[in-house]
């Protein structure tokens, strides 16, 4: 019972963390694109691909 609750809490925390990472990278990508910073755009896209977020 407790183990199951801990597993569910861990899964939820992991999902929330991934969503936070995705939103953060998306926000940074938007800013980089608006600023015309193609180098940073490529770097952030690579990071998203590495983390399988995008």
N, C-alpha and C. Protein backbone atom coordinates (compact mmCIF):
# COMPACT_ATOMS: atom_id res chain seq x y z
N UNK A 1 0.83 -1.20 0.00
CA UNK A 1 0.00 0.00 0.00
C UNK A 1 0.87 1.26 0.00
N UNK A 2 1.75 1.37 0.99
CA UNK A 2 2.63 2.53 1.07
C UNK A 2 3.55 2.56 -0.14
N UNK A 3 4.08 1.40 -0.51
CA UNK A 3 4.96 1.32 -1.66
C UNK A 3 4.25 1.78 -2.93
N UNK A 4 3.00 1.37 -3.08
CA UNK A 4 2.21 1.77 -4.23
C UNK A 4 2.00 3.29 -4.25
N UNK A 5 1.71 3.86 -3.08
CA UNK A 5 1.53 5.31 -2.99
C UNK A 5 2.82 6.05 -3.33
N UNK A 6 3.94 5.52 -2.86
CA UNK A 6 5.23 6.14 -3.16
C UNK A 6 5.54 6.05 -4.65
N UNK A 7 5.22 4.92 -5.25
CA UNK A 7 5.46 4.76 -6.68
C UNK A 7 4.61 5.74 -7.49
N UNK A 8 3.36 5.88 -7.09
CA UNK A 8 2.48 6.82 -7.78
C UNK A 8 2.96 8.26 -7.61
N UNK A 9 3.41 8.59 -6.40
CA UNK A 9 3.92 9.94 -6.14
C UNK A 9 5.18 10.19 -6.97
N UNK A 10 6.04 9.19 -7.08
CA UNK A 10 7.26 9.32 -7.87
C UNK A 10 6.93 9.50 -9.35
N UNK A 11 5.96 8.75 -9.85
CA UNK A 11 5.54 8.88 -11.25
C UNK A 11 4.98 10.27 -11.51
N UNK A 12 4.17 10.75 -10.59
CA UNK A 12 3.59 12.09 -10.75
C UNK A 12 4.68 13.15 -10.72
N UNK A 13 5.61 13.02 -9.79
CA UNK A 13 6.71 13.99 -9.70
C UNK A 13 7.54 13.98 -10.98
N UNK A 14 7.80 12.81 -11.52
CA UNK A 14 8.57 12.71 -12.76
C UNK A 14 7.83 13.37 -13.92
N UNK A 15 6.53 13.14 -13.99
CA UNK A 15 5.73 13.74 -15.06
C UNK A 15 5.70 15.26 -14.94
N UNK A 16 5.54 15.75 -13.73
CA UNK A 16 5.52 17.20 -13.50
C UNK A 16 6.88 17.79 -13.86
N UNK A 17 7.95 17.09 -13.50
CA UNK A 17 9.30 17.57 -13.80
C UNK A 17 9.52 17.65 -15.31
N UNK A 18 9.13 16.60 -16.03
CA UNK A 18 9.29 16.60 -17.49
C UNK A 18 8.49 17.73 -18.13
N UNK A 19 7.29 17.95 -17.64
CA UNK A 19 6.46 19.02 -18.17
C UNK A 19 7.11 20.38 -17.92
N UNK A 20 7.69 20.53 -16.75
CA UNK A 20 8.39 21.77 -16.41
C UNK A 20 9.59 21.97 -17.34
N UNK A 21 10.36 20.91 -17.57
CA UNK A 21 11.49 21.00 -18.50
C UNK A 21 11.03 21.39 -19.90
N UNK A 22 9.95 20.74 -20.35
CA UNK A 22 9.43 21.02 -21.69
C UNK A 22 9.00 22.48 -21.81
N UNK A 23 8.26 22.96 -20.83
CA UNK A 23 7.80 24.35 -20.86
C UNK A 23 8.97 25.33 -20.82
N UNK A 24 9.97 25.03 -20.00
CA UNK A 24 11.13 25.90 -19.88
C UNK A 24 11.88 25.99 -21.20
N UNK A 25 12.13 24.84 -21.83
CA UNK A 25 12.85 24.83 -23.10
C UNK A 25 12.02 25.53 -24.17
N UNK A 26 10.71 25.30 -24.17
CA UNK A 26 9.85 25.96 -25.16
C UNK A 26 9.90 27.47 -25.00
N UNK A 27 9.86 27.95 -23.77
CA UNK A 27 9.93 29.39 -23.50
C UNK A 27 11.28 29.95 -23.97
N UNK A 28 12.35 29.24 -23.65
CA UNK A 28 13.68 29.69 -24.06
C UNK A 28 13.82 29.68 -25.58
N UNK A 29 13.21 28.69 -26.24
CA UNK A 29 13.23 28.64 -27.70
C UNK A 29 12.50 29.84 -28.30
N UNK A 30 11.36 30.17 -27.75
CA UNK A 30 10.60 31.33 -28.23
C UNK A 30 11.42 32.60 -28.14
N UNK A 31 12.06 32.79 -27.00
CA UNK A 31 12.89 33.99 -26.81
C UNK A 31 14.07 33.99 -27.78
N UNK A 32 14.75 32.85 -27.90
CA UNK A 32 15.90 32.76 -28.80
C UNK A 32 15.49 33.04 -30.24
N UNK A 33 14.35 32.52 -30.66
CA UNK A 33 13.87 32.77 -32.03
C UNK A 33 13.53 34.24 -32.22
N UNK A 34 12.87 34.83 -31.24
CA UNK A 34 12.51 36.25 -31.32
C UNK A 34 13.75 37.14 -31.39
N UNK A 35 14.82 36.71 -30.74
CA UNK A 35 16.06 37.48 -30.74
C UNK A 35 16.95 37.15 -31.94
N UNK A 36 16.53 36.16 -32.74
CA UNK A 36 17.32 35.77 -33.90
C UNK A 36 18.60 35.02 -33.55
N UNK A 37 18.61 34.38 -32.39
CA UNK A 37 19.80 33.67 -31.91
C UNK A 37 19.73 32.21 -32.39
N UNK A 38 20.13 32.00 -33.64
CA UNK A 38 20.02 30.66 -34.25
C UNK A 38 20.90 29.63 -33.55
N UNK A 39 22.04 30.05 -33.07
CA UNK A 39 22.93 29.11 -32.37
C UNK A 39 22.24 28.56 -31.13
N UNK A 40 21.61 29.44 -30.36
CA UNK A 40 20.90 29.00 -29.16
C UNK A 40 19.68 28.16 -29.53
N UNK A 41 18.99 28.53 -30.60
CA UNK A 41 17.84 27.74 -31.06
C UNK A 41 18.28 26.31 -31.34
N UNK A 42 19.38 26.15 -32.09
CA UNK A 42 19.87 24.79 -32.40
C UNK A 42 20.26 24.04 -31.14
N UNK A 43 20.89 24.74 -30.21
CA UNK A 43 21.30 24.11 -28.96
C UNK A 43 20.08 23.65 -28.15
N UNK A 44 19.08 24.49 -28.06
CA UNK A 44 17.87 24.13 -27.30
C UNK A 44 17.09 23.01 -27.99
N UNK A 45 17.05 23.03 -29.31
CA UNK A 45 16.39 21.94 -30.04
C UNK A 45 17.12 20.63 -29.80
N UNK A 46 18.44 20.67 -29.79
CA UNK A 46 19.22 19.46 -29.51
C UNK A 46 18.96 18.98 -28.09
N UNK A 47 18.86 19.91 -27.16
CA UNK A 47 18.58 19.54 -25.77
C UNK A 47 17.20 18.89 -25.66
N UNK A 48 16.21 19.45 -26.33
CA UNK A 48 14.86 18.88 -26.30
C UNK A 48 14.86 17.48 -26.92
N UNK A 49 15.59 17.31 -28.01
CA UNK A 49 15.67 15.98 -28.64
C UNK A 49 16.37 14.98 -27.73
N UNK A 50 17.44 15.42 -27.09
CA UNK A 50 18.18 14.56 -26.17
C UNK A 50 17.28 14.10 -25.02
N UNK A 51 16.48 15.01 -24.51
CA UNK A 51 15.57 14.69 -23.41
C UNK A 51 14.26 14.09 -23.91
N UNK A 52 14.13 13.99 -25.24
CA UNK A 52 12.92 13.46 -25.89
C UNK A 52 11.68 14.25 -25.46
N UNK A 53 11.83 15.57 -25.48
CA UNK A 53 10.73 16.45 -25.09
C UNK A 53 9.99 17.02 -26.29
N UNK A 54 10.63 17.00 -27.42
CA UNK A 54 10.05 17.73 -28.52
C UNK A 54 9.80 16.94 -29.73
